Structure formats: C-alpha cells, structure tokens
C-alpha cells in the first residue's frame, strides 16, 4: 500500500505504527480537543488500519523481526532469569574442608552461574613492611537483579493472553487464547517459521 495522499493522515499512521497511543498519534498531527474521540473514528477507518499494519510489517521486515523471533528472545531472557534467580553468593566462594568461606574464587564457576553476575571488581595492592610486603587482592561481586527477566516473562504472558480472556480491542489488537499461543510457541522452528510436522 502506498503512502496516504494526505500527509497528516500518513504522519498519524506512522506515529501509531511506531507504538504511540491513538490519542497521542492523532493529536500530534490534527487539532481538536482530546475528549472529542476523533482519534477513535480515524483509526477505525479501513484504509487507515491497513496503512498502519503495512507500516508495521515493513518495519518488521527491515529489522528482520517477526513475532516468533521476538518471543524466542523474550523466552531466552526469561530462562536466563531462572539462572539469576537461582544464583547464590555462596556459589562463588572457596570453602575450607569444614565448609567455611575463605574468599571468592571465579575460576571454577560454571558459565551459567557467571551469567548471573552483573559486576566483578578486583582490587590489588601491597601492604606490610618494606622488607616483607604482602600482596592483598580483594574481589567484589554483584549479582544481577532479575528485573529484566521478570519484564520478559510479563511481556510473554501479555502476548499469550494469560492475564485476560481472548478479545479484540478497539484499536484492532487481538489477544489470543493461552492454549493457542502455547501451541504457536511450541511449533516455532529455529528460523522463525512454524515447524513442520512429519
């Protein structure tokens, strides 16, 4: 679909496709009181809905994105959050034979546990008498907060419609049933297309 003839309509469609709310996209371009509900009528027009969807599709193609790719990335972030949530500071310490912690040692920490670290700071300095100095090494670690993983899990839940029954909203957004979305997720192959059944 080509650009709309009216540049104001085209601009409103571009703004809506970029994620702005209907009212924000409409009243950034057109005049009128926000309570007039003109934005709702405008974005319900068939040619406007088609143009907004076309812009979204083109942007997704240009970015080489689709729903399946985004869901895979969110799923990976959420799974990484499980590791972060399960991480324990004790995993990073050396222990004596009787189980006492004696210092941080990262050389034998598995890769999945290292993913839970947000920051590692190593300070080294010399201390003691001039003829018998000691090298002191301090290692500080900070675990990641699981907020990114929780956000990813919420976004997946929103997309799956886990928090509300299936419905179509006024702006044309469709919330699908939880079972259907899970079937879609399970059927997505590595390339983003549904996996073929043998």
C-alpha atoms as a PDB file:
ATOM      1  CA  UNK A   1       0.000   0.000   0.000  1.00  0.00           C
ATOM      2  CA  UNK A   2       1.460   3.389  -0.967  1.00  0.00           C
ATOM      3  CA  UNK A   3       1.708   6.371   1.341  1.00  0.00           C
ATOM      4  CA  UNK A   4      -1.568   8.122   2.021  1.00  0.00           C
ATOM      5  CA  UNK A   5      -2.279  11.209  -0.082  1.00  0.00           C
ATOM      6  CA  UNK A   6      -2.961  13.435   2.936  1.00  0.00           C
ATOM      7  CA  UNK A   7       0.434  13.935   4.638  1.00  0.00           C
ATOM      8  CA  UNK A   8      -1.250  14.485   8.007  1.00  0.00           C
ATOM      9  CA  UNK A   9      -3.034  11.138   7.783  1.00  0.00           C
ATOM     10  CA  UNK A  10       0.224   9.465   6.764  1.00  0.00           C
ATOM     11  CA  UNK A  11       2.064  11.071   9.688  1.00  0.00           C
ATOM     12  CA  UNK A  12      -0.628   9.910  12.144  1.00  0.00           C
ATOM     13  CA  UNK A  13      -0.344   6.371  10.763  1.00  0.00           C
ATOM     14  CA  UNK A  14       3.453   6.469  11.085  1.00  0.00           C
ATOM     15  CA  UNK A  15       3.181   7.618  14.708  1.00  0.00           C
ATOM     16  CA  UNK A  16       0.586   4.947  15.539  1.00  0.00           C
ATOM     17  CA  UNK A  17       2.706   2.228  13.905  1.00  0.00           C
ATOM     18  CA  UNK A  18       5.700   3.353  15.971  1.00  0.00           C
ATOM     19  CA  UNK A  19       3.795   2.485  19.147  1.00  0.00           C
ATOM     20  CA  UNK A  20       2.158   5.741  20.149  1.00  0.00           C
ATOM     21  CA  UNK A  21      -1.326   5.595  21.636  1.00  0.00           C
ATOM     22  CA  UNK A  22      -4.172   6.515  19.314  1.00  0.00           C
ATOM     23  CA  UNK A  23      -4.830   9.841  21.003  1.00  0.00           C
ATOM     24  CA  UNK A  24      -1.152  10.815  21.084  1.00  0.00           C
ATOM     25  CA  UNK A  25      -0.613   9.916  17.424  1.00  0.00           C
ATOM     26  CA  UNK A  26      -3.774  11.711  16.292  1.00  0.00           C
ATOM     27  CA  UNK A  27      -3.471  14.923  18.292  1.00  0.00           C
ATOM     28  CA  UNK A  28       0.212  15.338  17.469  1.00  0.00           C
ATOM     29  CA  UNK A  29      -0.928  15.869  13.867  1.00  0.00           C
ATOM     30  CA  UNK A  30      -4.550  17.069  13.992  1.00  0.00           C
ATOM     31  CA  UNK A  31      -6.181  19.832  16.016  1.00  0.00           C
ATOM     32  CA  UNK A  32      -9.096  19.300  18.334  1.00  0.00           C
ATOM     33  CA  UNK A  33      -9.895  18.601  21.958  1.00  0.00           C
ATOM     34  CA  UNK A  34      -8.718  15.135  23.118  1.00  0.00           C
ATOM     35  CA  UNK A  35     -12.161  14.402  24.559  1.00  0.00           C
ATOM     36  CA  UNK A  36     -13.736  14.671  21.070  1.00  0.00           C
ATOM     37  CA  UNK A  37     -12.952  10.994  20.307  1.00  0.00           C
ATOM     38  CA  UNK A  38     -11.947  11.856  16.720  1.00  0.00           C
ATOM     39  CA  UNK A  39      -8.873   9.637  17.028  1.00  0.00           C
ATOM     40  CA  UNK A  40     -11.026   6.567  17.564  1.00  0.00           C
ATOM     41  CA  UNK A  41     -13.078   7.229  14.432  1.00  0.00           C
ATOM     42  CA  UNK A  42      -9.933   7.984  12.418  1.00  0.00           C
ATOM     43  CA  UNK A  43      -8.049   4.821  13.388  1.00  0.00           C
ATOM     44  CA  UNK A  44     -11.148   2.642  12.769  1.00  0.00           C
ATOM     45  CA  UNK A  45     -11.219   3.573   9.071  1.00  0.00           C
ATOM     46  CA  UNK A  46     -10.286   0.560   6.934  1.00  0.00           C
ATOM     47  CA  UNK A  47      -7.672   2.343   4.838  1.00  0.00           C
ATOM     48  CA  UNK A  48      -6.039   3.790   7.980  1.00  0.00           C
ATOM     49  CA  UNK A  49      -5.926   0.389   9.725  1.00  0.00           C
ATOM     50  CA  UNK A  50      -4.466  -1.153   6.564  1.00  0.00           C
ATOM     51  CA  UNK A  51      -1.804   1.573   6.319  1.00  0.00           C
ATOM     52  CA  UNK A  52      -0.775   1.221   9.983  1.00  0.00           C
ATOM     53  CA  UNK A  53      -0.448  -2.567   9.565  1.00  0.00           C
ATOM     54  CA  UNK A  54       1.561  -2.112   6.354  1.00  0.00           C
ATOM     55  CA  UNK A  55       3.987   0.259   8.096  1.00  0.00           C
ATOM     56  CA  UNK A  56       4.418  -2.209  10.967  1.00  0.00           C
ATOM     57  CA  UNK A  57       5.046  -5.087   8.536  1.00  0.00           C
ATOM     58  CA  UNK A  58       7.606  -3.085   6.567  1.00  0.00           C
ATOM     59  CA  UNK A  59       9.443  -2.083   9.728  1.00  0.00           C
ATOM     60  CA  UNK A  60       9.470  -5.689  10.909  1.00  0.00           C
ATOM     61  CA  UNK A  61      10.861  -6.875   7.559  1.00  0.00           C
ATOM     62  CA  UNK A  62      13.502  -4.151   7.542  1.00  0.00           C
ATOM     63  CA  UNK A  63      14.515  -5.117  11.062  1.00  0.00           C
ATOM     64  CA  UNK A  64      14.290  -8.827  10.139  1.00  0.00           C
ATOM     65  CA  UNK A  65      11.873  -9.390  13.004  1.00  0.00           C
ATOM     66  CA  UNK A  66       8.682 -11.317  13.445  1.00  0.00           C
ATOM     67  CA  UNK A  67       6.544 -12.423  16.388  1.00  0.00           C
ATOM     68  CA  UNK A  68       8.339 -15.745  16.653  1.00  0.00           C
ATOM     69  CA  UNK A  69      11.807 -14.129  16.807  1.00  0.00           C
ATOM     70  CA  UNK A  70      10.723 -11.639  19.468  1.00  0.00           C
ATOM     71  CA  UNK A  71       9.129 -14.411  21.523  1.00  0.00           C
ATOM     72  CA  UNK A  72      12.301 -16.536  21.269  1.00  0.00           C
ATOM     73  CA  UNK A  73      14.387 -13.607  22.548  1.00  0.00           C
ATOM     74  CA  UNK A  74      11.982 -12.919  25.413  1.00  0.00           C
ATOM     75  CA  UNK A  75      11.931 -16.619  26.270  1.00  0.00           C
ATOM     76  CA  UNK A  76      15.752 -16.697  26.408  1.00  0.00           C
ATOM     77  CA  UNK A  77      15.791 -13.639  28.686  1.00  0.00           C
ATOM     78  CA  UNK A  78      13.166 -15.205  30.949  1.00  0.00           C
ATOM     79  CA  UNK A  79      15.102 -18.506  31.097  1.00  0.00           C
ATOM     80  CA  UNK A  80      18.288 -16.624  31.934  1.00  0.00           C
ATOM     81  CA  UNK A  81      16.286 -15.060  34.750  1.00  0.00           C
ATOM     82  CA  UNK A  82      15.778 -18.513  36.234  1.00  0.00           C
ATOM     83  CA  UNK A  83      19.552 -18.828  36.499  1.00  0.00           C
ATOM     84  CA  UNK A  84      19.834 -15.371  38.003  1.00  0.00           C
ATOM     85  CA  UNK A  85      17.043 -16.141  40.440  1.00  0.00           C
ATOM     86  CA  UNK A  86      18.707 -19.414  41.466  1.00  0.00           C
ATOM     87  CA  UNK A  87      22.145 -17.840  41.901  1.00  0.00           C
ATOM     88  CA  UNK A  88      23.502 -17.752  45.416  1.00  0.00           C
ATOM     89  CA  UNK A  89      26.549 -15.801  46.601  1.00  0.00           C
ATOM     90  CA  UNK A  90      27.826 -18.998  48.205  1.00  0.00           C
ATOM     91  CA  UNK A  91      28.349 -20.429  44.687  1.00  0.00           C
ATOM     92  CA  UNK A  92      31.254 -18.013  44.168  1.00  0.00           C
ATOM     93  CA  UNK A  93      33.249 -18.654  47.348  1.00  0.00           C
ATOM     94  CA  UNK A  94      36.091 -21.072  48.051  1.00  0.00           C
ATOM     95  CA  UNK A  95      35.397 -23.200  51.099  1.00  0.00           C
ATOM     96  CA  UNK A  96      37.567 -24.966  53.632  1.00  0.00           C
ATOM     97  CA  UNK A  97      37.041 -28.661  54.251  1.00  0.00           C
ATOM     98  CA  UNK A  98      34.742 -27.848  57.142  1.00  0.00           C
ATOM     99  CA  UNK A  99      32.618 -25.599  54.850  1.00  0.00           C
ATOM    100  CA  UNK A 100      33.776 -22.131  55.942  1.00  0.00           C
ATOM    101  CA  UNK A 101      34.002 -19.471  53.263  1.00  0.00           C
ATOM    102  CA  UNK A 102      37.537 -18.192  52.754  1.00  0.00           C
ATOM    103  CA  UNK A 103      37.327 -15.983  49.653  1.00  0.00           C
ATOM    104  CA  UNK A 104      35.831 -15.500  46.226  1.00  0.00           C
ATOM    105  CA  UNK A 105      37.144 -17.801  43.516  1.00  0.00           C
ATOM    106  CA  UNK A 106      35.730 -17.499  39.999  1.00  0.00           C
ATOM    107  CA  UNK A 107      37.981 -19.890  38.059  1.00  0.00           C
ATOM    108  CA  UNK A 108      35.768 -22.952  38.594  1.00  0.00           C
ATOM    109  CA  UNK A 109      32.383 -21.224  38.458  1.00  0.00           C
ATOM    110  CA  UNK A 110      30.282 -22.685  35.602  1.00  0.00           C
ATOM    111  CA  UNK A 111      29.274 -20.448  32.704  1.00  0.00           C
ATOM    112  CA  UNK A 112      25.577 -20.405  33.616  1.00  0.00           C
ATOM    113  CA  UNK A 113      26.398 -19.108  37.107  1.00  0.00           C
ATOM    114  CA  UNK A 114      28.702 -16.442  35.627  1.00  0.00           C
ATOM    115  CA  UNK A 115      25.691 -15.160  33.658  1.00  0.00           C
ATOM    116  CA  UNK A 116      24.141 -14.145  36.978  1.00  0.00           C
ATOM    117  CA  UNK A 117      26.992 -11.718  37.734  1.00  0.00           C
ATOM    118  CA  UNK A 118      26.363  -8.077  36.980  1.00  0.00           C
ATOM    119  CA  UNK A 119      29.709  -6.725  38.141  1.00  0.00           C
ATOM    120  CA  UNK A 120      33.117  -8.059  39.202  1.00  0.00           C
ATOM    121  CA  UNK A 121      35.720  -5.713  40.705  1.00  0.00           C
ATOM    122  CA  UNK A 122      39.239  -6.866  41.548  1.00  0.00           C
ATOM    123  CA  UNK A 123      41.455  -4.614  43.657  1.00  0.00           C
ATOM    124  CA  UNK A 124      45.088  -5.498  44.290  1.00  0.00           C
ATOM    125  CA  UNK A 125      47.574  -3.630  46.462  1.00  0.00           C
ATOM    126  CA  UNK A 126      50.707  -4.196  48.545  1.00  0.00           C
ATOM    127  CA  UNK A 127      50.637  -3.956  52.314  1.00  0.00           C
ATOM    128  CA  UNK A 128      53.091  -4.595  55.134  1.00  0.00           C
ATOM    129  CA  UNK A 129      56.742  -3.829  55.930  1.00  0.00           C
ATOM    130  CA  UNK A 130      59.110  -2.907  53.117  1.00  0.00           C
ATOM    131  CA  UNK A 131      61.309  -5.971  53.540  1.00  0.00           C
ATOM    132  CA  UNK A 132      58.334  -8.419  53.652  1.00  0.00           C
ATOM    133  CA  UNK A 133      55.346  -6.920  51.789  1.00  0.00           C
ATOM    134  CA  UNK A 134      52.156  -8.874  51.189  1.00  0.00           C
ATOM    135  CA  UNK A 135      50.036  -8.602  48.090  1.00  0.00           C
ATOM    136  CA  UNK A 136      46.388  -8.160  49.024  1.00  0.00           C
ATOM    137  CA  UNK A 137      43.730  -8.988  46.453  1.00  0.00           C
ATOM    138  CA  UNK A 138      40.067  -8.133  47.014  1.00  0.00           C
ATOM    139  CA  UNK A 139      37.323  -9.353  44.712  1.00  0.00           C
ATOM    140  CA  UNK A 140      33.859  -7.865  44.861  1.00  0.00           C
ATOM    141  CA  UNK A 141      30.927  -9.338  43.001  1.00  0.00           C
ATOM    142  CA  UNK A 142      27.405  -8.103  42.426  1.00  0.00           C
ATOM    143  CA  UNK A 143      24.557 -10.344  41.275  1.00  0.00           C
ATOM    144  CA  UNK A 144      22.152  -9.173  38.590  1.00  0.00           C
ATOM    145  CA  UNK A 145      18.675  -8.168  39.621  1.00  0.00           C
ATOM    146  CA  UNK A 146      16.081 -10.360  37.889  1.00  0.00           C
ATOM    147  CA  UNK A 147      14.010  -7.371  36.719  1.00  0.00           C
ATOM    148  CA  UNK A 148      14.768  -7.875  33.008  1.00  0.00           C
ATOM    149  CA  UNK A 149      13.698 -11.494  33.217  1.00  0.00           C
ATOM    150  CA  UNK A 150      10.519 -10.582  35.066  1.00  0.00           C
ATOM    151  CA  UNK A 151       9.693  -7.962  32.426  1.00  0.00           C
ATOM    152  CA  UNK A 152      10.313 -10.508  29.648  1.00  0.00           C
ATOM    153  CA  UNK A 153       8.087 -13.074  31.374  1.00  0.00           C
ATOM    154  CA  UNK A 154       5.329 -10.469  31.776  1.00  0.00           C
ATOM    155  CA  UNK A 155       5.583  -9.488  28.105  1.00  0.00           C
ATOM    156  CA  UNK A 156       5.285 -13.141  27.065  1.00  0.00           C
ATOM    157  CA  UNK A 157       2.302 -13.557  29.395  1.00  0.00           C
ATOM    158  CA  UNK A 158       0.659 -10.446  27.949  1.00  0.00           C
ATOM    159  CA  UNK A 159       1.179 -11.684  24.394  1.00  0.00           C
ATOM    160  CA  UNK A 160      -0.180 -15.113  25.298  1.00  0.00           C
ATOM    161  CA  UNK A 161      -3.246 -13.512  26.864  1.00  0.00           C
ATOM    162  CA  UNK A 162      -2.596 -15.185  30.204  1.00  0.00           C
ATOM    163  CA  UNK A 163      -3.982 -12.293  32.240  1.00  0.00           C
ATOM    164  CA  UNK A 164      -7.240 -11.704  30.366  1.00  0.00           C
ATOM    165  CA  UNK A 165      -9.714 -13.666  28.220  1.00  0.00           C
ATOM    166  CA  UNK A 166      -9.233 -13.621  24.446  1.00  0.00           C
ATOM    167  CA  UNK A 167     -10.679 -10.494  22.819  1.00  0.00           C
ATOM    168  CA  UNK A 168     -10.150  -7.844  20.172  1.00  0.00           C
ATOM    169  CA  UNK A 169      -9.583  -4.331  21.455  1.00  0.00           C
ATOM    170  CA  UNK A 170     -10.884  -1.141  19.867  1.00  0.00           C
ATOM    171  CA  UNK A 171      -7.530  -0.407  18.210  1.00  0.00           C
ATOM    172  CA  UNK A 172      -7.553  -3.801  16.478  1.00  0.00           C
ATOM    173  CA  UNK A 173      -5.132  -5.606  18.801  1.00  0.00           C
ATOM    174  CA  UNK A 174      -6.051  -9.269  19.145  1.00  0.00           C
ATOM    175  CA  UNK A 175      -5.435 -11.215  22.332  1.00  0.00           C
ATOM    176  CA  UNK A 176      -5.364 -14.921  21.554  1.00  0.00           C
ATOM    177  CA  UNK A 177      -6.228 -17.796  23.834  1.00  0.00           C
ATOM    178  CA  UNK A 178      -3.440 -19.088  26.062  1.00  0.00           C
ATOM    179  CA  UNK A 179      -3.610 -22.622  24.597  1.00  0.00           C
ATOM    180  CA  UNK A 180      -3.406 -21.347  21.008  1.00  0.00           C
ATOM    181  CA  UNK A 181      -0.404 -19.149  21.801  1.00  0.00           C
ATOM    182  CA  UNK A 182       1.401 -22.026  23.536  1.00  0.00           C
ATOM    183  CA  UNK A 183       0.789 -24.214  20.502  1.00  0.00           C
ATOM    184  CA  UNK A 184       2.241 -21.448  18.317  1.00  0.00           C
ATOM    185  CA  UNK A 185       5.301 -21.117  20.565  1.00  0.00           C
ATOM    186  CA  UNK A 186       5.892 -24.867  20.582  1.00  0.00           C
ATOM    187  CA  UNK A 187       5.515 -25.005  16.806  1.00  0.00           C
ATOM    188  CA  UNK A 188       8.043 -22.258  16.021  1.00  0.00           C
ATOM    189  CA  UNK A 189      11.149 -23.640  14.368  1.00  0.00           C
ATOM    190  CA  UNK A 190      14.662 -22.201  14.588  1.00  0.00           C
ATOM    191  CA  UNK A 191      14.157 -19.994  11.534  1.00  0.00           C
ATOM    192  CA  UNK A 192      11.046 -18.293  12.862  1.00  0.00           C
ATOM    193  CA  UNK A 193       8.607 -20.271  10.735  1.00  0.00           C
ATOM    194  CA  UNK A 194       6.249 -22.852  12.193  1.00  0.00           C
ATOM    195  CA  UNK A 195       7.962 -26.211  12.495  1.00  0.00           C
ATOM    196  CA  UNK A 196       6.663 -28.771  10.028  1.00  0.00           C
ATOM    197  CA  UNK A 197       5.079 -31.898  11.380  1.00  0.00           C
ATOM    198  CA  UNK A 198       6.390 -35.167   9.983  1.00  0.00           C
END
